[in-house]
Amino acid sequence: MIVCGGQLVTPEGVVRADLAVEDGRISAIAPELCGDAHEIDARGLTVFPGLIDVHVHFNEPGRTEWEGAASGSQALAAGGGTMYFDMPLNSSPCTVGGAEFDAKRAALERASLTDFALWGGIVPGNRGALAGLAERGVIGFKAFMADSGLPEFPRCDDLTLYEGMREAARLGLPVAVHAENTGLVRPMGTGTGVRDYLDSRPVLAEVEAIQRATLLASEAGAKLHIVHISSGRGVAAALEARARGVDVSIETCPHYLWFTEEDMERMGAVAKCAPPLRPAAERDRLRAALLQGEIDIVASDHSPAPLQMKRDENFFRVWGGIAGVQSTLAVLSRTGLLACPIARVTAENPARRFGLANKGRLAVGCDADFALLDLEAEFTVTRASLFQRHGLSPYVGSTFRGAVRRTVLRGETIFENGKITRHGGGRMIEHAKTRVHP
């Protein structure tokens, strides 16, 4: 395969060149490669490295009716993605031990269209299971500092988190944390409305938890990844820790960059998430941090649920989670971020941070994972255009620019002009290794 005449978004900059693929890898990038090989006409299109979404909840096995790896990975591919990291919840059982990992890996290998990696969990009482999870190839470990919403995945007290970080450091794997101070999160009972929910999870709860998590990681010698930072103040807290030498990476989500708390009050359950959407001033500070290169990774935190779980007169009982795995590149194209920074926060940085040697870049020797976008084409998100299991998304009705025309995984087209062109075939990829499990 040769991709001809496109604008290639490479680590060195945007270049007009052809891209050749052999045996699933990029074999050459140069002008005038087109000849007798199968050609893809990329004239007028921009070629991005395939998006790597490090934070999704596809809920398989056990809660596949919420999403599932088949529909979730198809939505990812339709949004230009070629790999995802599935969280240890909300699958049932949660991925907190070897048997649970084996069951999830088998389920995703049967169903996933794209490549994937698996997070393991840190919960009270499972420190002894972390080494076995590492041997099986987890990408890292996830812990909650506040209630996860699932009794089977309890939050970590400080000692559990610290000891888990020490074990993760010994194993050479990163720890991802949901950073909210549970003592500052007001429980259900202080009101039942959207505004009550917003007030119950203040920015302070996020900032304090980030400060505490970075201190614990520093003492433990652990690599820390703060997931879904929702505020500019949260980013500042992580940057302060980094300036002190803490090995911390910063993740935010498209919905925090796009929506505000006023949108949650207007849309209701479809926009509920934790941490919640923030005031416009915090959203704007978050966007500024992104444009200044202070945010390392943008991931979707795709967390869908059936419609009945999004309906309750008490907003605290509504299942929280935003479905947006298909919209990451679309949102970023509207933030003012240029092509190369978009590629960095969605592909290059995820691959580098999590040790994916052959992923995340348009470079000779890397896997031929890429997406062809028409950056001038406008489109409006509709329920019918979404490939996820349920059509619930706060992005429905939004108009973006930058339509995905084709997505290619290891040299094979998996999405083209609005259609999935293959089913299954995704592979599990391990942290810090080039080996791919066939």
Protein backbone atom coordinates (compact mmCIF):
# COMPACT_ATOMS: atom_id res chain seq x y z
CA MET A 1 0.00 0.00 0.00
CA ILE A 2 1.11 3.53 -0.76
CA VAL A 3 -0.73 6.61 0.52
CA CYS A 4 -0.21 9.23 -2.15
CA GLY A 5 -0.13 13.01 -2.03
CA GLY A 6 -1.32 13.66 1.51
CA GLN A 7 -0.16 16.07 4.18
CA LEU A 8 1.55 13.82 6.74
CA VAL A 9 1.57 14.85 10.39
CA THR A 10 4.98 13.58 11.52
CA PRO A 11 7.00 14.23 14.70
CA GLU A 12 9.16 16.60 12.63
CA GLY A 13 6.20 18.59 11.30
CA VAL A 14 3.59 18.49 8.56
CA VAL A 15 5.09 17.38 5.24
CA ARG A 16 3.64 16.65 1.83
CA ALA A 17 4.87 13.18 0.95
CA ASP A 18 3.84 9.65 0.10
CA LEU A 19 3.77 6.90 2.69
CA ALA A 20 4.54 3.26 1.87
CA VAL A 21 3.38 0.26 3.89
CA GLU A 22 4.81 -3.26 3.90
CA ASP A 23 3.81 -6.10 6.23
CA GLY A 24 1.75 -3.78 8.40
CA ARG A 25 4.59 -1.33 9.04
CA ILE A 26 5.52 2.02 7.52
CA SER A 27 8.39 1.23 5.17
CA ALA A 28 9.08 4.64 3.59
CA ILE A 29 8.06 8.29 3.72
CA ALA A 30 9.24 10.29 0.72
CA PRO A 31 8.01 12.18 -2.35
CA GLU A 32 7.00 10.31 -5.49
CA LEU A 33 6.74 6.79 -4.10
CA CYS A 34 3.53 6.03 -5.98
CA GLY A 35 3.83 3.40 -8.66
CA ASP A 36 2.50 -0.10 -9.16
CA ALA A 37 1.46 -0.80 -5.54
CA HIS A 38 -2.11 -0.43 -4.29
CA GLU A 39 -2.60 3.30 -3.87
CA ILE A 40 -4.75 5.42 -1.59
CA ASP A 41 -5.37 8.88 -3.01
CA ALA A 42 -4.77 11.28 -0.11
CA ARG A 43 -4.64 14.50 -2.12
CA GLY A 44 -6.43 17.22 -0.16
CA LEU A 45 -6.36 15.09 3.00
CA THR A 46 -4.26 15.23 6.16
CA VAL A 47 -2.81 11.97 7.50
CA PHE A 48 -2.65 11.74 11.30
CA PRO A 49 -1.16 8.91 13.34
CA GLY A 50 -3.97 6.71 14.61
CA LEU A 51 -5.49 8.07 17.79
CA ILE A 52 -4.63 6.12 20.96
CA ASP A 53 -7.37 6.58 23.54
CA VAL A 54 -5.81 5.70 26.91
CA HIS A 55 -9.09 5.94 28.87
CA VAL A 56 -12.24 4.08 27.86
CA HIS A 57 -14.85 1.93 29.60
CA PHE A 58 -16.10 -0.64 27.11
CA ASN A 59 -17.52 -2.71 29.99
CA GLU A 60 -16.76 -6.15 28.58
CA PRO A 61 -17.21 -8.81 29.85
CA GLY A 62 -20.22 -8.62 32.11
CA ARG A 63 -21.79 -5.31 31.13
CA THR A 64 -21.55 -5.54 27.36
CA GLU A 65 -25.07 -4.17 27.04
CA TRP A 66 -23.62 -0.84 28.21
CA GLU A 67 -21.20 -0.78 25.27
CA GLY A 68 -18.93 -3.72 24.40
CA ALA A 69 -15.58 -3.91 22.65
CA ALA A 70 -17.11 -4.46 19.20
CA SER A 71 -19.28 -1.34 19.09
CA GLY A 72 -16.88 0.73 21.18
CA SER A 73 -13.88 -0.01 18.97
CA GLN A 74 -15.94 0.67 15.84
CA ALA A 75 -16.81 4.10 17.22
CA LEU A 76 -13.14 4.67 18.00
CA ALA A 77 -12.17 3.75 14.43
CA ALA A 78 -14.85 6.06 13.01
CA GLY A 79 -13.20 8.84 14.99
CA GLY A 80 -9.72 8.08 13.61
CA GLY A 81 -8.60 5.80 16.45
CA THR A 82 -6.57 2.61 16.18
CA MET A 83 -5.95 1.65 19.83
CA TYR A 84 -7.54 2.05 23.24
CA PHE A 85 -6.73 1.24 26.87
CA ASP A 86 -9.72 -0.35 28.59
CA MET A 87 -10.19 0.51 32.26
CA PRO A 88 -10.51 -2.25 34.88
CA LEU A 89 -14.11 -1.20 35.54
CA ASN A 90 -17.00 -1.27 34.63
CA SER A 91 -16.52 -4.78 33.32
CA SER A 92 -17.80 -7.52 35.60
CA PRO A 93 -15.73 -8.89 37.17
CA CYS A 94 -13.39 -5.93 37.46
CA THR A 95 -9.79 -6.50 36.36
CA VAL A 96 -8.15 -6.79 39.77
CA GLY A 97 -6.57 -10.25 39.46
CA GLY A 98 -5.13 -12.72 36.98
CA ALA A 99 -8.32 -14.67 36.25
CA GLU A 100 -10.27 -11.48 35.62
CA PHE A 101 -7.53 -10.22 33.30
CA ASP A 102 -7.54 -13.48 31.32
CA ALA A 103 -11.31 -13.33 30.88
CA LYS A 104 -11.24 -9.73 29.69
CA ARG A 105 -8.36 -10.30 27.30
CA ALA A 106 -10.14 -13.28 25.73
CA ALA A 107 -13.37 -11.31 25.33
CA LEU A 108 -11.65 -8.32 23.72
CA GLU A 109 -9.55 -10.47 21.40
CA ARG A 110 -12.77 -11.97 20.09
CA ALA A 111 -14.60 -8.67 19.65
CA SER A 112 -12.26 -5.72 19.19
CA LEU A 113 -11.79 -4.11 15.80
CA THR A 114 -8.76 -2.09 16.93
CA ASP A 115 -5.70 -2.89 18.98
CA PHE A 116 -6.01 -2.49 22.74
CA ALA A 117 -4.25 -2.59 26.09
CA LEU A 118 -5.69 -3.36 29.51
CA TRP A 119 -5.43 -1.46 32.76
CA GLY A 120 -5.31 -3.44 35.98
CA GLY A 121 -6.87 -2.14 39.18
CA ILE A 122 -5.55 -1.21 42.60
CA VAL A 123 -8.15 -1.81 45.30
CA PRO A 124 -7.88 -2.62 49.01
CA GLY A 125 -6.54 -6.13 49.45
CA ASN A 126 -5.16 -6.88 45.97
CA ARG A 127 -1.55 -5.73 46.28
CA GLY A 128 -0.41 -9.32 45.98
CA ALA A 129 -2.17 -9.64 42.61
CA LEU A 130 -0.32 -6.77 40.94
CA ALA A 131 2.76 -8.80 40.00
CA GLY A 132 0.61 -11.38 38.25
CA LEU A 133 -1.20 -8.66 36.36
CA ALA A 134 2.15 -7.20 35.31
CA GLU A 135 3.30 -10.61 34.05
CA ARG A 136 0.15 -10.83 31.95
CA GLY A 137 0.90 -7.50 30.27
CA VAL A 138 -1.20 -4.75 31.87
CA ILE A 139 -0.45 -1.25 30.63
CA GLY A 140 -0.53 0.07 34.20
CA PHE A 141 -2.75 0.21 37.28
CA LYS A 142 -5.81 2.37 37.99
CA ALA A 143 -6.92 3.56 41.43
CA PHE A 144 -9.78 5.73 42.68
CA MET A 145 -9.32 8.28 45.45
CA ALA A 146 -13.12 8.77 45.59
CA ASP A 147 -16.06 6.42 45.21
CA SER A 148 -15.97 4.72 41.82
CA GLY A 149 -19.70 4.11 41.70
CA LEU A 150 -19.20 0.33 41.84
CA PRO A 151 -19.01 -1.49 45.19
CA GLU A 152 -16.80 -4.16 43.62
CA PHE A 153 -14.14 -1.53 42.80
CA PRO A 154 -13.73 0.37 46.10
CA ARG A 155 -11.67 3.50 46.46
CA CYS A 156 -8.14 3.39 47.85
CA ASP A 157 -7.37 4.87 51.23
CA ASP A 158 -3.99 6.63 51.34
CA LEU A 159 -2.08 3.61 52.68
CA THR A 160 -3.53 1.28 50.04
CA LEU A 161 -2.66 3.79 47.32
CA TYR A 162 0.86 4.36 48.63
CA GLU A 163 1.62 0.64 48.93
CA GLY A 164 0.12 0.03 45.50
CA MET A 165 2.32 2.76 44.07
CA ARG A 166 5.40 1.20 45.65
CA GLU A 167 4.57 -2.17 44.12
CA ALA A 168 3.85 -0.59 40.73
CA ALA A 169 7.20 1.21 40.89
CA ARG A 170 8.93 -2.11 41.62
CA LEU A 171 7.18 -3.60 38.60
CA GLY A 172 8.07 -0.62 36.40
CA LEU A 173 4.46 0.28 35.59
CA PRO A 174 2.57 3.58 35.93
CA VAL A 175 -0.34 4.26 38.26
CA ALA A 176 -3.36 6.19 37.01
CA VAL A 177 -5.54 7.88 39.59
CA HIS A 178 -9.00 9.37 39.64
CA ALA A 179 -8.11 12.36 41.78
CA GLU A 180 -10.93 13.67 43.94
CA ASN A 181 -10.78 14.03 47.72
CA THR A 182 -13.62 11.84 48.98
CA GLY A 183 -13.90 13.93 52.16
CA LEU A 184 -14.63 17.04 50.12
CA VAL A 185 -17.24 15.35 47.91
CA ARG A 186 -20.63 15.93 49.52
CA PRO A 187 -22.83 12.82 49.50
CA MET A 188 -26.31 12.42 48.11
CA GLY A 189 -28.81 14.00 50.45
CA THR A 190 -27.75 17.62 50.16
CA GLY A 191 -30.17 18.09 47.26
CA THR A 192 -31.32 16.21 44.19
CA GLY A 193 -30.83 18.54 41.23
CA VAL A 194 -28.12 19.15 38.64
CA ARG A 195 -26.90 22.26 40.46
CA ASP A 196 -26.68 20.31 43.70
CA TYR A 197 -24.53 17.69 42.00
CA LEU A 198 -22.22 20.33 40.52
CA ASP A 199 -21.79 21.97 43.92
CA SER A 200 -21.10 18.61 45.58
CA ARG A 201 -17.82 18.06 43.70
CA PRO A 202 -15.83 21.32 43.90
CA VAL A 203 -12.58 22.05 42.08
CA LEU A 204 -10.90 22.01 45.49
CA ALA A 205 -11.60 18.28 45.79
CA GLU A 206 -9.66 17.69 42.57
CA VAL A 207 -6.77 20.03 43.40
CA GLU A 208 -6.19 18.58 46.88
CA ALA A 209 -6.30 15.00 45.61
CA ILE A 210 -3.77 15.79 42.86
CA GLN A 211 -1.45 17.34 45.44
CA ARG A 212 -1.76 14.28 47.69
CA ALA A 213 -1.36 11.77 44.86
CA THR A 214 1.77 13.48 43.59
CA LEU A 215 3.25 13.48 47.10
CA LEU A 216 2.56 9.77 47.51
CA ALA A 217 4.00 9.02 44.07
CA SER A 218 7.12 11.00 44.86
CA GLU A 219 7.66 9.07 48.10
CA ALA A 220 6.93 5.75 46.37
CA GLY A 221 9.12 6.47 43.34
CA ALA A 222 6.15 5.76 41.08
CA LYS A 223 5.21 6.99 37.63
CA LEU A 224 1.88 8.77 38.05
CA HIS A 225 -0.82 9.52 35.50
CA ILE A 226 -3.65 11.85 36.58
CA VAL A 227 -6.75 11.00 34.57
CA HIS A 228 -9.46 13.38 33.37
CA ILE A 229 -8.27 16.62 34.99
CA SER A 230 -11.27 18.91 34.69
CA SER A 231 -9.89 22.32 35.66
CA GLY A 232 -7.06 24.72 34.99
CA ARG A 233 -6.29 24.71 38.71
CA GLY A 234 -5.91 20.94 38.59
CA VAL A 235 -3.38 21.19 35.77
CA ALA A 236 -1.48 23.82 37.74
CA ALA A 237 -1.27 21.50 40.75
CA ALA A 238 0.17 18.71 38.61
CA LEU A 239 2.66 21.09 36.98
CA GLU A 240 3.85 22.26 40.40
CA ALA A 241 4.57 18.65 41.32
CA ARG A 242 6.39 18.08 38.05
CA ALA A 243 8.57 21.10 38.77
CA ARG A 244 9.55 19.38 42.04
CA GLY A 245 10.66 16.31 40.09
CA VAL A 246 7.56 14.11 40.33
CA ASP A 247 7.14 11.84 37.30
CA VAL A 248 3.55 12.80 36.50
CA SER A 249 1.62 12.96 33.24
CA ILE A 250 -1.52 15.04 32.75
CA GLU A 251 -4.68 13.86 30.99
CA THR A 252 -7.84 15.78 30.22
CA CYS A 253 -10.91 14.96 28.15
CA PRO A 254 -12.65 16.61 25.20
CA HIS A 255 -15.81 17.27 27.22
CA TYR A 256 -13.90 19.40 29.73
CA LEU A 257 -12.45 21.38 26.84
CA TRP A 258 -15.79 21.80 25.05
CA PHE A 259 -18.62 22.06 27.59
CA THR A 260 -19.20 24.02 30.80
CA GLU A 261 -21.38 23.47 33.85
CA GLU A 262 -24.07 25.56 32.15
CA ASP A 263 -24.22 22.87 29.46
CA MET A 264 -24.74 20.22 32.14
CA GLU A 265 -27.57 22.25 33.62
CA ARG A 266 -29.10 22.56 30.15
CA MET A 267 -28.59 18.97 28.93
CA GLY A 268 -28.88 17.05 32.18
CA ALA A 269 -27.98 13.38 32.45
CA VAL A 270 -26.29 13.01 29.07
CA ALA A 271 -23.57 15.43 30.29
CA LYS A 272 -23.11 14.01 33.81
CA CYS A 273 -19.55 13.01 34.65
CA ALA A 274 -17.15 12.95 37.59
CA PRO A 275 -15.40 15.26 38.10
CA PRO A 276 -18.25 17.37 36.74
CA LEU A 277 -18.11 19.97 34.02
CA ARG A 278 -16.69 23.26 35.29
CA PRO A 279 -17.47 26.99 35.00
CA ALA A 280 -16.43 28.71 31.78
CA ALA A 281 -13.41 30.32 33.44
CA GLU A 282 -11.99 26.93 34.42
CA ARG A 283 -12.76 25.52 30.96
CA ASP A 284 -10.92 28.44 29.39
CA ARG A 285 -7.91 27.94 31.68
CA LEU A 286 -7.87 24.29 30.68
CA ARG A 287 -7.91 25.21 26.99
CA ALA A 288 -5.07 27.67 27.57
CA ALA A 289 -3.03 24.93 29.24
CA LEU A 290 -3.64 22.69 26.24
CA LEU A 291 -2.55 25.37 23.77
CA GLN A 292 0.57 26.05 25.85
CA GLY A 293 1.59 22.39 25.69
CA GLU A 294 1.05 21.76 29.40
CA ILE A 295 -1.38 18.85 28.91
CA ASP A 296 0.22 15.58 27.84
CA ILE A 297 -2.73 13.46 26.74
CA VAL A 298 -6.34 13.98 25.69
CA ALA A 299 -8.52 10.89 26.15
CA SER A 300 -12.26 10.38 25.93
CA ASP A 301 -13.13 8.67 29.25
CA HIS A 302 -15.90 7.08 27.19
CA SER A 303 -18.31 5.71 29.80
CA PRO A 304 -21.74 4.91 28.37
CA ALA A 305 -24.78 3.36 29.98
CA PRO A 306 -28.24 2.26 28.82
CA LEU A 307 -30.94 4.89 28.61
CA GLN A 308 -32.78 3.68 31.70
CA MET A 309 -29.70 4.34 33.84
CA LYS A 310 -29.72 7.96 32.68
CA ARG A 311 -33.23 8.58 34.01
CA ASP A 312 -33.92 9.45 37.63
CA GLU A 313 -35.58 12.36 39.41
CA ASN A 314 -32.59 12.39 41.77
CA PHE A 315 -29.63 13.52 39.65
CA PHE A 316 -27.18 11.91 42.09
CA ARG A 317 -28.58 8.47 41.18
CA VAL A 318 -28.17 9.00 37.42
CA TRP A 319 -25.24 6.99 36.08
CA GLY A 320 -22.36 9.36 35.42
CA GLY A 321 -20.32 9.03 32.27
CA ILE A 322 -20.00 10.78 28.93
CA ALA A 323 -20.02 8.86 25.66
CA GLY A 324 -17.54 10.54 23.34
CA VAL A 325 -15.01 8.05 21.98
CA GLN A 326 -15.82 9.04 18.40
CA SER A 327 -15.46 12.80 18.89
CA THR A 328 -11.96 13.49 20.28
CA LEU A 329 -10.31 14.68 17.07
CA ALA A 330 -13.42 16.67 16.16
CA VAL A 331 -13.35 18.60 19.43
CA LEU A 332 -9.61 19.24 19.30
CA SER A 333 -9.94 20.67 15.80
CA ARG A 334 -12.16 23.40 17.30
CA THR A 335 -9.89 24.37 20.21
CA GLY A 336 -7.31 26.19 18.08
CA LEU A 337 -4.78 23.38 18.43
CA LEU A 338 -2.73 22.79 15.27
CA ALA A 339 -2.20 19.43 13.59
CA CYS A 340 1.14 18.50 15.17
CA PRO A 341 0.06 19.27 18.76
CA ILE A 342 -3.15 17.29 18.14
CA ALA A 343 -1.05 14.31 17.05
CA ARG A 344 1.15 14.68 20.12
CA VAL A 345 -1.65 14.62 22.70
CA THR A 346 -3.65 11.86 20.97
CA ALA A 347 -0.95 9.52 19.66
CA GLU A 348 2.72 10.39 20.17
CA ASN A 349 2.56 11.19 23.88
CA PRO A 350 0.32 8.22 24.77
CA ALA A 351 2.70 5.86 22.98
CA ARG A 352 5.78 7.37 24.62
CA ARG A 353 4.31 7.55 28.13
CA PHE A 354 3.11 3.95 28.09
CA GLY A 355 6.02 2.33 26.30
CA LEU A 356 4.40 1.54 22.94
CA ALA A 357 7.56 1.49 20.84
CA ASN A 358 5.90 0.92 17.46
CA LYS A 359 2.80 3.07 17.91
CA GLY A 360 1.84 6.72 17.83
CA ARG A 361 4.00 8.12 15.03
CA LEU A 362 4.16 8.37 11.27
CA ALA A 363 7.72 7.12 11.05
CA VAL A 364 9.54 4.36 9.21
CA GLY A 365 9.38 1.13 11.22
CA CYS A 366 6.23 2.04 13.15
CA ASP A 367 2.94 0.21 12.77
CA ALA A 368 0.95 1.56 9.84
CA ASP A 369 -1.79 3.03 12.04
CA PHE A 370 -3.21 6.27 10.67
CA ALA A 371 -6.31 8.25 9.82
CA LEU A 372 -7.03 10.38 6.75
CA LEU A 373 -8.99 13.56 7.56
CA ASP A 374 -10.53 16.24 5.40
CA LEU A 375 -9.84 19.22 7.61
CA GLU A 376 -12.09 21.50 5.55
CA ALA A 377 -15.18 19.27 5.64
CA GLU A 378 -17.88 20.25 8.13
CA PHE A 379 -20.16 17.66 9.69
CA THR A 380 -22.83 17.57 12.37
CA VAL A 381 -22.91 14.76 14.92
CA THR A 382 -26.20 12.85 14.81
CA ARG A 383 -27.36 9.74 16.63
CA ALA A 384 -27.26 7.90 13.30
CA SER A 385 -23.61 8.86 12.72
CA LEU A 386 -22.45 7.30 16.01
CA PHE A 387 -21.18 3.73 16.00
CA GLN A 388 -21.38 3.26 19.77
CA ARG A 389 -24.08 0.97 21.17
CA HIS A 390 -26.31 3.77 22.48
CA GLY A 391 -26.92 7.06 20.70
CA LEU A 392 -26.63 9.07 23.90
CA SER A 393 -23.92 11.71 23.57
CA PRO A 394 -23.71 15.38 24.50
CA TYR A 395 -22.02 16.00 21.14
CA VAL A 396 -25.19 15.18 19.17
CA GLY A 397 -26.16 18.35 17.32
CA SER A 398 -22.68 19.88 17.45
CA THR A 399 -21.01 20.87 14.17
CA PHE A 400 -17.30 20.27 13.69
CA ARG A 401 -14.73 20.54 10.95
CA GLY A 402 -12.35 17.72 10.10
CA ALA A 403 -14.17 14.62 8.86
CA VAL A 404 -12.45 11.22 9.12
CA ARG A 405 -12.46 9.66 5.65
CA ARG A 406 -10.44 6.52 6.35
CA THR A 407 -8.80 4.74 9.31
CA VAL A 408 -6.02 2.22 8.78
CA LEU A 409 -4.73 -0.30 11.34
CA ARG A 410 -1.44 -2.07 10.63
CA GLY A 411 -1.89 -1.40 6.93
CA GLU A 412 -5.51 -2.55 6.68
CA THR A 413 -8.44 -0.19 6.20
CA ILE A 414 -10.94 -0.66 9.03
CA PHE A 415 -13.15 2.40 8.40
CA GLU A 416 -13.84 4.21 5.13
CA ASN A 417 -16.37 6.86 4.13
CA GLY A 418 -18.77 6.22 6.98
CA LYS A 419 -18.57 2.42 7.00
CA ILE A 420 -16.73 -0.21 9.03
CA THR A 421 -14.83 -2.39 6.56
CA ARG A 422 -13.71 -5.20 8.86
CA HIS A 423 -14.88 -6.90 12.04
CA GLY A 424 -12.57 -8.10 14.78
CA GLY A 425 -8.84 -8.55 14.36
CA GLY A 426 -7.64 -6.29 17.18
CA ARG A 427 -4.61 -7.37 19.19
CA MET A 428 -3.54 -6.84 22.76
CA ILE A 429 -0.35 -4.83 23.15
CA GLU A 430 1.76 -4.74 26.30
CA HIS A 431 3.46 -1.88 28.09
CA ALA A 432 7.10 -1.18 27.27
CA LYS A 433 7.45 -4.08 24.85
CA THR A 434 7.43 -4.39 21.12
CA ARG A 435 5.86 -7.84 21.27
CA VAL A 436 2.28 -8.02 20.03
CA HIS A 437 0.16 -11.03 20.97
CA PRO A 438 -1.32 -12.56 17.81
